[in-house]
Amino acid sequence: MTAKLENELGVISIHYEVIARIAGYAAIDCYGIVGMAAKNVKDGLVQLLKIESLTKGIKMRVNANKVSLDLHIIVEYGTNISAIADNIISTVKYSVEEYAGLEVEDVNIFVDGVRVDG
């Protein structure tokens, strides 16, 4: 799946993996987020993804060159989830629009877990 941008010089195709990686790196830089999450289909457990595979925690849809992103995250215990989600939404939206040149229709945050350090 790719997103296509047209200008006077031609057509630019951006692979979904690139857009997901931009969104993932922007999200994990936000305060309070431990990392991206992926659900194991077999047993239903949620696991913390390593940096190399963070795009597995992102679902993306492209419709008329507008991107919709679903981010599955794990947050740190004791943080304000609403504030974290607002920060991630604005940061990811800005990063994707700035670096990929695509309009972001919406960013949905799914908190799949809370990490307690102890």
PDB file of N, CA and C in Angstrom:
ATOM      1  N   MET A   1       0.854  -1.169   0.000  1.00  0.00           N
ATOM      2  CA  MET A   1       0.000   0.000   0.000  1.00  0.00           C
ATOM      3  C   MET A   1       0.903   1.236   0.000  1.00  0.00           C
ATOM      4  N   THR A   2       0.553   2.186  -0.819  1.00  0.00           N
ATOM      5  CA  THR A   2       1.324   3.415  -0.897  1.00  0.00           C
ATOM      6  C   THR A   2       0.397   4.625  -0.932  1.00  0.00           C
ATOM      7  N   ALA A   3       0.951   5.754  -0.573  1.00  0.00           N
ATOM      8  CA  ALA A   3       0.254   7.028  -0.720  1.00  0.00           C
ATOM      9  C   ALA A   3       0.942   7.760  -1.861  1.00  0.00           C
ATOM     10  N   LYS A   4       0.173   8.425  -2.695  1.00  0.00           N
ATOM     11  CA  LYS A   4       0.740   9.103  -3.858  1.00  0.00           C
ATOM     12  C   LYS A   4       0.486  10.603  -3.771  1.00  0.00           C
ATOM     13  N   LEU A   5       1.540  11.357  -4.039  1.00  0.00           N
ATOM     14  CA  LEU A   5       1.458  12.812  -4.115  1.00  0.00           C
ATOM     15  C   LEU A   5       1.806  13.225  -5.531  1.00  0.00           C
ATOM     16  N   GLU A   6       1.035  14.147  -6.073  1.00  0.00           N
ATOM     17  CA  GLU A   6       1.324  14.647  -7.416  1.00  0.00           C
ATOM     18  C   GLU A   6       1.693  16.115  -7.338  1.00  0.00           C
ATOM     19  N   ASN A   7       2.703  16.479  -8.123  1.00  0.00           N
ATOM     20  CA  ASN A   7       3.037  17.893  -8.283  1.00  0.00           C
ATOM     21  C   ASN A   7       3.387  18.132  -9.747  1.00  0.00           C
ATOM     22  N   GLU A   8       3.877  19.317 -10.046  1.00  0.00           N
ATOM     23  CA  GLU A   8       4.139  19.661 -11.448  1.00  0.00           C
ATOM     24  C   GLU A   8       5.284  18.856 -12.055  1.00  0.00           C
ATOM     25  N   LEU A   9       6.110  18.235 -11.211  1.00  0.00           N
ATOM     26  CA  LEU A   9       7.248  17.475 -11.713  1.00  0.00           C
ATOM     27  C   LEU A   9       6.959  15.981 -11.889  1.00  0.00           C
ATOM     28  N   GLY A  10       5.887  15.489 -11.269  1.00  0.00           N
ATOM     29  CA  GLY A  10       5.570  14.068 -11.391  1.00  0.00           C
ATOM     30  C   GLY A  10       4.824  13.539 -10.187  1.00  0.00           C
ATOM     31  N   VAL A  11       4.937  12.229  -9.982  1.00  0.00           N
ATOM     32  CA  VAL A  11       4.225  11.536  -8.911  1.00  0.00           C
ATOM     33  C   VAL A  11       5.231  10.994  -7.900  1.00  0.00           C
ATOM     34  N   ILE A  12       4.915  11.175  -6.621  1.00  0.00           N
ATOM     35  CA  ILE A  12       5.746  10.652  -5.540  1.00  0.00           C
ATOM     36  C   ILE A  12       4.936   9.578  -4.826  1.00  0.00           C
ATOM     37  N   SER A  13       5.494   8.372  -4.713  1.00  0.00           N
ATOM     38  CA  SER A  13       4.844   7.277  -3.994  1.00  0.00           C
ATOM     39  C   SER A  13       5.577   7.052  -2.679  1.00  0.00           C
ATOM     40  N   ILE A  14       4.826   7.034  -1.583  1.00  0.00           N
ATOM     41  CA  ILE A  14       5.404   6.809  -0.261  1.00  0.00           C
ATOM     42  C   ILE A  14       4.815   5.525   0.289  1.00  0.00           C
ATOM     43  N   HIS A  15       5.668   4.552   0.571  1.00  0.00           N
ATOM     44  CA  HIS A  15       5.233   3.249   1.072  1.00  0.00           C
ATOM     45  C   HIS A  15       4.694   3.399   2.498  1.00  0.00           C
ATOM     46  N   TYR A  16       3.716   2.581   2.845  1.00  0.00           N
ATOM     47  CA  TYR A  16       3.093   2.680   4.166  1.00  0.00           C
ATOM     48  C   TYR A  16       4.093   2.448   5.295  1.00  0.00           C
ATOM     49  N   GLU A  17       5.100   1.626   5.061  1.00  0.00           N
ATOM     50  CA  GLU A  17       6.108   1.356   6.087  1.00  0.00           C
ATOM     51  C   GLU A  17       6.856   2.634   6.471  1.00  0.00           C
ATOM     52  N   VAL A  18       7.097   3.502   5.504  1.00  0.00           N
ATOM     53  CA  VAL A  18       7.800   4.769   5.760  1.00  0.00           C
ATOM     54  C   VAL A  18       6.937   5.682   6.622  1.00  0.00           C
ATOM     55  N   ILE A  19       5.662   5.774   6.279  1.00  0.00           N
ATOM     56  CA  ILE A  19       4.744   6.623   7.044  1.00  0.00           C
ATOM     57  C   ILE A  19       4.588   6.085   8.470  1.00  0.00           C
ATOM     58  N   ALA A  20       4.453   4.772   8.595  1.00  0.00           N
ATOM     59  CA  ALA A  20       4.316   4.154   9.914  1.00  0.00           C
ATOM     60  C   ALA A  20       5.570   4.362  10.753  1.00  0.00           C
ATOM     61  N   ARG A  21       6.741   4.292  10.136  1.00  0.00           N
ATOM     62  CA  ARG A  21       7.989   4.495  10.864  1.00  0.00           C
ATOM     63  C   ARG A  21       8.112   5.949  11.349  1.00  0.00           C
ATOM     64  N   ILE A  22       7.715   6.904  10.511  1.00  0.00           N
ATOM     65  CA  ILE A  22       7.720   8.315  10.929  1.00  0.00           C
ATOM     66  C   ILE A  22       6.806   8.505  12.133  1.00  0.00           C
ATOM     67  N   ALA A  23       5.608   7.939  12.052  1.00  0.00           N
ATOM     68  CA  ALA A  23       4.642   8.058  13.154  1.00  0.00           C
ATOM     69  C   ALA A  23       5.149   7.363  14.411  1.00  0.00           C
ATOM     70  N   GLY A  24       5.740   6.194  14.252  1.00  0.00           N
ATOM     71  CA  GLY A  24       6.240   5.442  15.407  1.00  0.00           C
ATOM     72  C   GLY A  24       7.368   6.150  16.131  1.00  0.00           C
ATOM     73  N   TYR A  25       8.336   6.663  15.379  1.00  0.00           N
ATOM     74  CA  TYR A  25       9.441   7.389  16.007  1.00  0.00           C
ATOM     75  C   TYR A  25       8.950   8.662  16.692  1.00  0.00           C
ATOM     76  N   ALA A  26       7.982   9.333  16.094  1.00  0.00           N
ATOM     77  CA  ALA A  26       7.428  10.535  16.720  1.00  0.00           C
ATOM     78  C   ALA A  26       6.716  10.175  18.024  1.00  0.00           C
ATOM     79  N   ALA A  27       5.984   9.065  18.017  1.00  0.00           N
ATOM     80  CA  ALA A  27       5.218   8.666  19.202  1.00  0.00           C
ATOM     81  C   ALA A  27       6.122   8.250  20.355  1.00  0.00           C
ATOM     82  N   ILE A  28       7.158   7.466  20.081  1.00  0.00           N
ATOM     83  CA  ILE A  28       7.986   6.975  21.193  1.00  0.00           C
ATOM     84  C   ILE A  28       8.865   8.058  21.807  1.00  0.00           C
ATOM     85  N   ASP A  29       8.980   9.201  21.146  1.00  0.00           N
ATOM     86  CA  ASP A  29       9.711  10.323  21.730  1.00  0.00           C
ATOM     87  C   ASP A  29       8.868  11.115  22.722  1.00  0.00           C
ATOM     88  N   CYS A  30       7.575  10.831  22.787  1.00  0.00           N
ATOM     89  CA  CYS A  30       6.684  11.570  23.679  1.00  0.00           C
ATOM     90  C   CYS A  30       6.835  11.089  25.124  1.00  0.00           C
ATOM     91  N   TYR A  31       6.651  12.011  26.051  1.00  0.00           N
ATOM     92  CA  TYR A  31       6.749  11.699  27.475  1.00  0.00           C
ATOM     93  C   TYR A  31       5.644  10.732  27.899  1.00  0.00           C
ATOM     94  N   GLY A  32       5.992   9.755  28.727  1.00  0.00           N
ATOM     95  CA  GLY A  32       5.012   8.856  29.324  1.00  0.00           C
ATOM     96  C   GLY A  32       4.760   7.586  28.543  1.00  0.00           C
ATOM     97  N   ILE A  33       5.249   7.501  27.331  1.00  0.00           N
ATOM     98  CA  ILE A  33       5.036   6.297  26.537  1.00  0.00           C
ATOM     99  C   ILE A  33       6.253   5.380  26.701  1.00  0.00           C
ATOM    100  N   VAL A  34       5.975   4.123  26.990  1.00  0.00           N
ATOM    101  CA  VAL A  34       7.031   3.129  27.153  1.00  0.00           C
ATOM    102  C   VAL A  34       7.429   2.581  25.790  1.00  0.00           C
ATOM    103  N   GLY A  35       6.429   2.372  24.926  1.00  0.00           N
ATOM    104  CA  GLY A  35       6.700   1.861  23.591  1.00  0.00           C
ATOM    105  C   GLY A  35       5.424   1.466  22.882  1.00  0.00           C
ATOM    106  N   MET A  36       5.600   0.879  21.707  1.00  0.00           N
ATOM    107  CA  MET A  36       4.471   0.411  20.916  1.00  0.00           C
ATOM    108  C   MET A  36       4.123  -1.008  21.355  1.00  0.00           C
ATOM    109  N   ALA A  37       2.874  -1.390  21.138  1.00  0.00           N
ATOM    110  CA  ALA A  37       2.404  -2.695  21.579  1.00  0.00           C
ATOM    111  C   ALA A  37       1.863  -3.492  20.403  1.00  0.00           C
ATOM    112  N   ALA A  38       1.990  -4.804  20.512  1.00  0.00           N
ATOM    113  CA  ALA A  38       1.393  -5.714  19.537  1.00  0.00           C
ATOM    114  C   ALA A  38       0.712  -6.830  20.304  1.00  0.00           C
ATOM    115  N   LYS A  39      -0.488  -7.182  19.858  1.00  0.00           N
ATOM    116  CA  LYS A  39      -1.234  -8.233  20.524  1.00  0.00           C
ATOM    117  C   LYS A  39      -0.928  -9.557  19.846  1.00  0.00           C
ATOM    118  N   ASN A  40      -0.592 -10.550  20.648  1.00  0.00           N
ATOM    119  CA  ASN A  40      -0.368 -11.893  20.130  1.00  0.00           C
ATOM    120  C   ASN A  40      -1.731 -12.523  19.876  1.00  0.00           C
ATOM    121  N   VAL A  41      -2.010 -12.843  18.630  1.00  0.00           N
ATOM    122  CA  VAL A  41      -3.326 -13.351  18.248  1.00  0.00           C
ATOM    123  C   VAL A  41      -3.608 -14.691  18.905  1.00  0.00           C
ATOM    124  N   LYS A  42      -2.582 -15.498  19.053  1.00  0.00           N
ATOM    125  CA  LYS A  42      -2.761 -16.847  19.577  1.00  0.00           C
ATOM    126  C   LYS A  42      -3.275 -16.859  21.014  1.00  0.00           C
ATOM    127  N   ASP A  43      -2.599 -16.109  21.905  1.00  0.00           N
ATOM    128  CA  ASP A  43      -2.989 -16.135  23.313  1.00  0.00           C
ATOM    129  C   ASP A  43      -3.559 -14.822  23.837  1.00  0.00           C
ATOM    130  N   GLY A  44      -3.648 -13.792  23.008  1.00  0.00           N
ATOM    131  CA  GLY A  44      -4.267 -12.531  23.397  1.00  0.00           C
ATOM    132  C   GLY A  44      -3.422 -11.653  24.294  1.00  0.00           C
ATOM    133  N   LEU A  45      -2.152 -12.008  24.506  1.00  0.00           N
ATOM    134  CA  LEU A  45      -1.282 -11.198  25.350  1.00  0.00           C
ATOM    135  C   LEU A  45      -0.685 -10.045  24.555  1.00  0.00           C
ATOM    136  N   VAL A  46      -0.449  -8.946  25.251  1.00  0.00           N
ATOM    137  CA  VAL A  46       0.143  -7.763  24.626  1.00  0.00           C
ATOM    138  C   VAL A  46       1.628  -7.756  24.944  1.00  0.00           C
ATOM    139  N   GLN A  47       2.449  -7.499  23.920  1.00  0.00           N
ATOM    140  CA  GLN A  47       3.889  -7.440  24.152  1.00  0.00           C
ATOM    141  C   GLN A  47       4.445  -6.088  23.728  1.00  0.00           C
ATOM    142  N   LEU A  48       5.494  -5.683  24.414  1.00  0.00           N
ATOM    143  CA  LEU A  48       6.195  -4.442  24.098  1.00  0.00           C
ATOM    144  C   LEU A  48       7.110  -4.707  22.915  1.00  0.00           C
ATOM    145  N   LEU A  49       6.976  -3.884  21.877  1.00  0.00           N
ATOM    146  CA  LEU A  49       7.775  -4.065  20.667  1.00  0.00           C
ATOM    147  C   LEU A  49       9.129  -3.377  20.794  1.00  0.00           C
ATOM    148  N   LYS A  50      10.136  -3.992  20.210  1.00  0.00           N
ATOM    149  CA  LYS A  50      11.452  -3.368  20.160  1.00  0.00           C
ATOM    150  C   LYS A  50      11.432  -2.290  19.085  1.00  0.00           C
ATOM    151  N   ILE A  51      12.424  -1.439  19.113  1.00  0.00           N
ATOM    152  CA  ILE A  51      12.486  -0.298  18.197  1.00  0.00           C
ATOM    153  C   ILE A  51      12.511  -0.747  16.737  1.00  0.00           C
ATOM    154  N   GLU A  52      13.089  -1.909  16.448  1.00  0.00           N
ATOM    155  CA  GLU A  52      13.183  -2.383  15.072  1.00  0.00           C
ATOM    156  C   GLU A  52      11.816  -2.762  14.498  1.00  0.00           C
ATOM    157  N   SER A  53      10.889  -3.146  15.368  1.00  0.00           N
ATOM    158  CA  SER A  53       9.588  -3.616  14.880  1.00  0.00           C
ATOM    159  C   SER A  53       8.429  -2.762  15.376  1.00  0.00           C
ATOM    160  N   LEU A  54       8.674  -1.488  15.641  1.00  0.00           N
ATOM    161  CA  LEU A  54       7.620  -0.636  16.193  1.00  0.00           C
ATOM    162  C   LEU A  54       6.458  -0.412  15.234  1.00  0.00           C
ATOM    163  N   THR A  55       6.663  -0.611  13.934  1.00  0.00           N
ATOM    164  CA  THR A  55       5.576  -0.385  12.975  1.00  0.00           C
ATOM    165  C   THR A  55       4.475  -1.444  13.090  1.00  0.00           C
ATOM    166  N   LYS A  56       4.757  -2.556  13.776  1.00  0.00           N
ATOM    167  CA  LYS A  56       3.726  -3.582  13.972  1.00  0.00           C
ATOM    168  C   LYS A  56       2.633  -3.093  14.922  1.00  0.00           C
ATOM    169  N   GLY A  57       2.907  -2.071  15.690  1.00  0.00           N
ATOM    170  CA  GLY A  57       1.927  -1.502  16.603  1.00  0.00           C
ATOM    171  C   GLY A  57       1.117  -0.378  15.986  1.00  0.00           C
ATOM    172  N   ILE A  58       1.263  -0.182  14.670  1.00  0.00           N
ATOM    173  CA  ILE A  58       0.578   0.909  13.986  1.00  0.00           C
ATOM    174  C   ILE A  58      -0.247   0.352  12.838  1.00  0.00           C
ATOM    175  N   LYS A  59      -1.521   0.687  12.830  1.00  0.00           N
ATOM    176  CA  LYS A  59      -2.403   0.341  11.712  1.00  0.00           C
ATOM    177  C   LYS A  59      -2.664   1.628  10.944  1.00  0.00           C
ATOM    178  N   MET A  60      -2.600   1.540   9.624  1.00  0.00           N
ATOM    179  CA  MET A  60      -2.731   2.739   8.816  1.00  0.00           C
ATOM    180  C   MET A  60      -3.690   2.515   7.663  1.00  0.00           C
ATOM    181  N   ARG A  61      -4.471   3.562   7.358  1.00  0.00           N
ATOM    182  CA  ARG A  61      -5.369   3.550   6.206  1.00  0.00           C
ATOM    183  C   ARG A  61      -5.120   4.825   5.414  1.00  0.00           C
ATOM    184  N   VAL A  62      -5.078   4.684   4.096  1.00  0.00           N
ATOM    185  CA  VAL A  62      -4.919   5.841   3.217  1.00  0.00           C
ATOM    186  C   VAL A  62      -6.168   5.929   2.361  1.00  0.00           C
ATOM    187  N   ASN A  63      -6.844   7.078   2.414  1.00  0.00           N
ATOM    188  CA  ASN A  63      -8.063   7.286   1.649  1.00  0.00           C
ATOM    189  C   ASN A  63      -7.974   8.665   1.006  1.00  0.00           C
ATOM    190  N   ALA A  64      -7.892   8.705  -0.315  1.00  0.00           N
ATOM    191  CA  ALA A  64      -7.787   9.967  -1.065  1.00  0.00           C
ATOM    192  C   ALA A  64      -6.619  10.809  -0.559  1.00  0.00           C
ATOM    193  N   ASN A  65      -5.478  10.152  -0.362  1.00  0.00           N
ATOM    194  CA  ASN A  65      -4.250  10.784   0.119  1.00  0.00           C
ATOM    195  C   ASN A  65      -4.385  11.445   1.490  1.00  0.00           C
ATOM    196  N   LYS A  66      -5.328  10.972   2.279  1.00  0.00           N
ATOM    197  CA  LYS A  66      -5.433  11.357   3.686  1.00  0.00           C
ATOM    198  C   LYS A  66      -5.145  10.114   4.506  1.00  0.00           C
ATOM    199  N   VAL A  67      -4.336  10.270   5.518  1.00  0.00           N
ATOM    200  CA  VAL A  67      -3.878   9.139   6.314  1.00  0.00           C
ATOM    201  C   VAL A  67      -4.633   9.085   7.637  1.00  0.00           C
ATOM    202  N   SER A  68      -5.070   7.888   8.004  1.00  0.00           N
ATOM    203  CA  SER A  68      -5.640   7.637   9.322  1.00  0.00           C
ATOM    204  C   SER A  68      -4.736   6.631  10.024  1.00  0.00           C
ATOM    205  N   LEU A  69      -4.351   6.939  11.244  1.00  0.00           N
ATOM    206  CA  LEU A  69      -3.416   6.095  11.981  1.00  0.00           C
ATOM    207  C   LEU A  69      -4.037   5.602  13.281  1.00  0.00           C
ATOM    208  N   ASP A  70      -3.828   4.330  13.584  1.00  0.00           N
ATOM    209  CA  ASP A  70      -4.189   3.734  14.868  1.00  0.00           C
ATOM    210  C   ASP A  70      -2.901   3.310  15.541  1.00  0.00           C
ATOM    211  N   LEU A  71      -2.595   3.875  16.709  1.00  0.00           N
ATOM    212  CA  LEU A  71      -1.372   3.561  17.434  1.00  0.00           C
ATOM    213  C   LEU A  71      -1.716   2.785  18.691  1.00  0.00           C
ATOM    214  N   HIS A  72      -1.116   1.622  18.830  1.00  0.00           N
ATOM    215  CA  HIS A  72      -1.297   0.781  20.018  1.00  0.00           C
ATOM    216  C   HIS A  72      -0.063   0.970  20.887  1.00  0.00           C
ATOM    217  N   ILE A  73      -0.272   1.509  22.093  1.00  0.00           N
ATOM    218  CA  ILE A  73       0.859   1.905  22.931  1.00  0.00           C
ATOM    219  C   ILE A  73       0.794   1.272  24.315  1.00  0.00           C
ATOM    220  N   ILE A  74       1.921   1.335  25.001  1.00  0.00           N
ATOM    221  CA  ILE A  74       2.019   0.973  26.410  1.00  0.00           C
ATOM    222  C   ILE A  74       2.531   2.219  27.126  1.00  0.00           C
ATOM    223  N   VAL A  75       1.838   2.609  28.201  1.00  0.00           N
ATOM    224  CA  VAL A  75       2.206   3.825  28.927  1.00  0.00           C
ATOM    225  C   VAL A  75       2.844   3.477  30.263  1.00  0.00           C
ATOM    226  N   GLU A  76       3.480   4.469  30.837  1.00  0.00           N
ATOM    227  CA  GLU A  76       4.126   4.327  32.128  1.00  0.00           C
ATOM    228  C   GLU A  76       3.092   4.531  33.241  1.00  0.00           C
ATOM    229  N   TYR A  77       3.180   3.726  34.283  1.00  0.00           N
ATOM    230  CA  TYR A  77       2.258   3.838  35.409  1.00  0.00           C
ATOM    231  C   TYR A  77       2.416   5.197  36.087  1.00  0.00           C
ATOM    232  N   GLY A  78       1.289   5.803  36.455  1.00  0.00           N
ATOM    233  CA  GLY A  78       1.308   7.062  37.185  1.00  0.00           C
ATOM    234  C   GLY A  78       1.260   8.292  36.311  1.00  0.00           C
ATOM    235  N   THR A  79       1.153   8.105  35.011  1.00  0.00           N
ATOM    236  CA  THR A  79       1.086   9.253  34.114  1.00  0.00           C
ATOM    237  C   THR A  79      -0.357   9.504  33.701  1.00  0.00           C
ATOM    238  N   ASN A  80      -0.635  10.715  33.291  1.00  0.00           N
ATOM    239  CA  ASN A  80      -1.966  11.102  32.851  1.00  0.00           C
ATOM    240  C   ASN A  80      -2.167  10.631  31.403  1.00  0.00           C
ATOM    241  N   ILE A  81      -2.986   9.615  31.222  1.00  0.00           N
ATOM    242  CA  ILE A  81      -3.158   8.997  29.910  1.00  0.00           C
ATOM    243  C   ILE A  81      -3.769   9.979  28.911  1.00  0.00           C
ATOM    244  N   SER A  82      -4.674  10.800  29.355  1.00  0.00           N
ATOM    245  CA  SER A  82      -5.298  11.778  28.465  1.00  0.00           C
ATOM    246  C   SER A  82      -4.277  12.782  27.942  1.00  0.00           C
ATOM    247  N   ALA A  83      -3.405  13.262  28.816  1.00  0.00           N
ATOM    248  CA  ALA A  83      -2.368  14.216  28.400  1.00  0.00           C
ATOM    249  C   ALA A  83      -1.371  13.549  27.461  1.00  0.00           C
ATOM    250  N   ILE A  84      -1.007  12.314  27.752  1.00  0.00           N
ATOM    251  CA  ILE A  84      -0.088  11.571  26.877  1.00  0.00           C
ATOM    252  C   ILE A  84      -0.706  11.406  25.492  1.00  0.00           C
ATOM    253  N   ALA A  85      -1.972  11.001  25.447  1.00  0.00           N
ATOM    254  CA  ALA A  85      -2.650  10.778  24.160  1.00  0.00           C
ATOM    255  C   ALA A  85      -2.733  12.071  23.353  1.00  0.00           C
ATOM    256  N   ASP A  86      -3.083  13.185  24.007  1.00  0.00           N
ATOM    257  CA  ASP A  86      -3.141  14.476  23.301  1.00  0.00           C
ATOM    258  C   ASP A  86      -1.782  14.859  22.725  1.00  0.00           C
ATOM    259  N   ASN A  87      -0.731  14.640  23.510  1.00  0.00           N
ATOM    260  CA  ASN A  87       0.617  14.953  23.066  1.00  0.00           C
ATOM    261  C   ASN A  87       1.026  14.076  21.872  1.00  0.00           C
ATOM    262  N   ILE A  88       0.729  12.787  21.949  1.00  0.00           N
ATOM    263  CA  ILE A  88       1.070  11.868  20.859  1.00  0.00           C
ATOM    264  C   ILE A  88       0.317  12.251  19.591  1.00  0.00           C
ATOM    265  N   ILE A  89      -0.960  12.542  19.718  1.00  0.00           N
ATOM    266  CA  ILE A  89      -1.774  12.896  18.548  1.00  0.00           C
ATOM    267  C   ILE A  89      -1.193  14.114  17.835  1.00  0.00           C
ATOM    268  N   SER A  90      -0.899  15.165  18.583  1.00  0.00           N
ATOM    269  CA  SER A  90      -0.387  16.378  17.937  1.00  0.00           C
ATOM    270  C   SER A  90       1.017  16.170  17.369  1.00  0.00           C
ATOM    271  N   THR A  91       1.873  15.440  18.077  1.00  0.00           N
ATOM    272  CA  THR A  91       3.235  15.197  17.607  1.00  0.00           C
ATOM    273  C   THR A  91       3.255  14.338  16.355  1.00  0.00           C
ATOM    274  N   VAL A  92       2.472  13.253  16.353  1.00  0.00           N
ATOM    275  CA  VAL A  92       2.426  12.349  15.195  1.00  0.00           C
ATOM    276  C   VAL A  92       1.822  13.064  13.994  1.00  0.00           C
ATOM    277  N   LYS A  93       0.747  13.803  14.217  1.00  0.00           N
ATOM    278  CA  LYS A  93       0.102  14.530  13.121  1.00  0.00           C
ATOM    279  C   LYS A  93       1.091  15.519  12.491  1.00  0.00           C
ATOM    280  N   TYR A  94       1.784  16.275  13.315  1.00  0.00           N
ATOM    281  CA  TYR A  94       2.755  17.243  12.807  1.00  0.00           C
ATOM    282  C   TYR A  94       3.880  16.534  12.047  1.00  0.00           C
ATOM    283  N   SER A  95       4.432  15.473  12.607  1.00  0.00           N
ATOM    284  CA  SER A  95       5.563  14.781  11.991  1.00  0.00           C
ATOM    285  C   SER A  95       5.212  14.191  10.638  1.00  0.00           C
ATOM    286  N   VAL A  96       4.078  13.518  10.540  1.00  0.00           N
ATOM    287  CA  VAL A  96       3.686  12.904   9.272  1.00  0.00           C
ATOM    288  C   VAL A  96       3.406  13.977   8.224  1.00  0.00           C
ATOM    289  N   GLU A  97       2.716  15.036   8.606  1.00  0.00           N
ATOM    290  CA  GLU A  97       2.420  16.109   7.649  1.00  0.00           C
ATOM    291  C   GLU A  97       3.696  16.836   7.225  1.00  0.00           C
ATOM    292  N   GLU A  98       4.621  17.035   8.145  1.00  0.00           N
ATOM    293  CA  GLU A  98       5.853  17.764   7.837  1.00  0.00           C
ATOM    294  C   GLU A  98       6.815  16.929   6.997  1.00  0.00           C
ATOM    295  N   TYR A  99       7.049  15.679   7.381  1.00  0.00           N
ATOM    296  CA  TYR A  99       8.075  14.871   6.724  1.00  0.00           C
ATOM    297  C   TYR A  99       7.567  14.129   5.492  1.00  0.00           C
ATOM    298  N   ALA A 100       6.314  13.675   5.506  1.00  0.00           N
ATOM    299  CA  ALA A 100       5.793  12.927   4.356  1.00  0.00           C
ATOM    300  C   ALA A 100       4.979  13.807   3.422  1.00  0.00           C
ATOM    301  N   GLY A 101       4.505  14.949   3.907  1.00  0.00           N
ATOM    302  CA  GLY A 101       3.712  15.835   3.065  1.00  0.00           C
ATOM    303  C   GLY A 101       2.295  15.362   2.846  1.00  0.00           C
ATOM    304  N   LEU A 102       1.831  14.441   3.694  1.00  0.00           N
ATOM    305  CA  LEU A 102       0.467  13.914   3.584  1.00  0.00           C
ATOM    306  C   LEU A 102      -0.416  14.520   4.660  1.00  0.00           C
ATOM    307  N   GLU A 103      -1.680  14.715   4.329  1.00  0.00           N
ATOM    308  CA  GLU A 103      -2.629  15.223   5.312  1.00  0.00           C
ATOM    309  C   GLU A 103      -3.061  14.080   6.222  1.00  0.00           C
ATOM    310  N   VAL A 104      -3.039  14.321   7.529  1.00  0.00           N
ATOM    311  CA  VAL A 104      -3.466  13.317   8.501  1.00  0.00           C
ATOM    312  C   VAL A 104      -4.913  13.586   8.861  1.00  0.00           C
ATOM    313  N   GLU A 105      -5.762  12.615   8.555  1.00  0.00           N
ATOM    314  CA  GLU A 105      -7.183  12.759   8.835  1.00  0.00           C
ATOM    315  C   GLU A 105      -7.465  12.582  10.322  1.00  0.00           C
ATOM    316  N   ASP A 106      -6.940  11.497  10.902  1.00  0.00           N
ATOM    317  CA  ASP A 106      -7.098  11.294  12.336  1.00  0.00           C
ATOM    318  C   ASP A 106      -6.018  10.357  12.865  1.00  0.00           C
ATOM    319  N   VAL A 107      -5.762  10.500  14.171  1.00  0.00           N
ATOM    320  CA  VAL A 107      -4.830   9.641  14.890  1.00  0.00           C
ATOM    321  C   VAL A 107      -5.590   9.090  16.081  1.00  0.00           C
ATOM    322  N   ASN A 108      -5.731   7.771  16.131  1.00  0.00           N
ATOM    323  CA  ASN A 108      -6.428   7.102  17.229  1.00  0.00           C
ATOM    324  C   ASN A 108      -5.412   6.398  18.108  1.00  0.00           C
ATOM    325  N   ILE A 109      -5.545   6.588  19.418  1.00  0.00           N
ATOM    326  CA  ILE A 109      -4.618   6.001  20.380  1.00  0.00           C
ATOM    327  C   ILE A 109      -5.334   4.891  21.138  1.00  0.00           C
ATOM    328  N   PHE A 110      -4.712   3.719  21.177  1.00  0.00           N
ATOM    329  CA  PHE A 110      -5.225   2.583  21.933  1.00  0.00           C
ATOM    330  C   PHE A 110      -4.181   2.225  22.980  1.00  0.00           C
ATOM    331  N   VAL A 111      -4.529   2.384  24.251  1.00  0.00           N
ATOM    332  CA  VAL A 111      -3.619   2.042  25.329  1.00  0.00           C
ATOM    333  C   VAL A 111      -3.828   0.562  25.638  1.00  0.00           C
ATOM    334  N   ASP A 112      -2.850  -0.245  25.262  1.00  0.00           N
ATOM    335  CA  ASP A 112      -2.957  -1.696  25.418  1.00  0.00           C
ATOM    336  C   ASP A 112      -2.308  -2.210  26.700  1.00  0.00           C
ATOM    337  N   GLY A 113      -1.622  -1.337  27.416  1.00  0.00           N
ATOM    338  CA  GLY A 113      -0.997  -1.788  28.642  1.00  0.00           C
ATOM    339  C   GLY A 113      -0.380  -0.650  29.421  1.00  0.00           C
ATOM    340  N   VAL A 114      -0.067  -0.958  30.699  1.00  0.00           N
ATOM    341  CA  VAL A 114       0.590  -0.008  31.576  1.00  0.00           C
ATOM    342  C   VAL A 114       1.785  -0.740  32.185  1.00  0.00           C
ATOM    343  N   ARG A 115       2.951  -0.122  32.103  1.00  0.00           N
ATOM    344  CA  ARG A 115       4.145  -0.748  32.686  1.00  0.00           C
ATOM    345  C   ARG A 115       4.399  -0.154  34.061  1.00  0.00           C
ATOM    346  N   VAL A 116       4.560  -1.044  35.021  1.00  0.00           N
ATOM    347  CA  VAL A 116       4.853  -0.644  36.398  1.00  0.00           C
ATOM    348  C   VAL A 116       6.286  -1.030  36.677  1.00  0.00           C
ATOM    349  N   ASP A 117       7.123  -0.036  36.954  1.00  0.00           N
ATOM    350  CA  ASP A 117       8.507  -0.331  37.354  1.00  0.00           C
ATOM    351  C   ASP A 117       8.532  -0.495  38.860  1.00  0.00           C
ATOM    352  N   GLY A 118       9.179  -1.518  39.300  1.00  0.00           N
ATOM    353  CA  GLY A 118       9.155  -1.674  40.731  1.00  0.00           C
ATOM    354  C   GLY A 118      10.175  -2.502  41.294  1.00  0.00           C
TER     355      GLY A 118
END
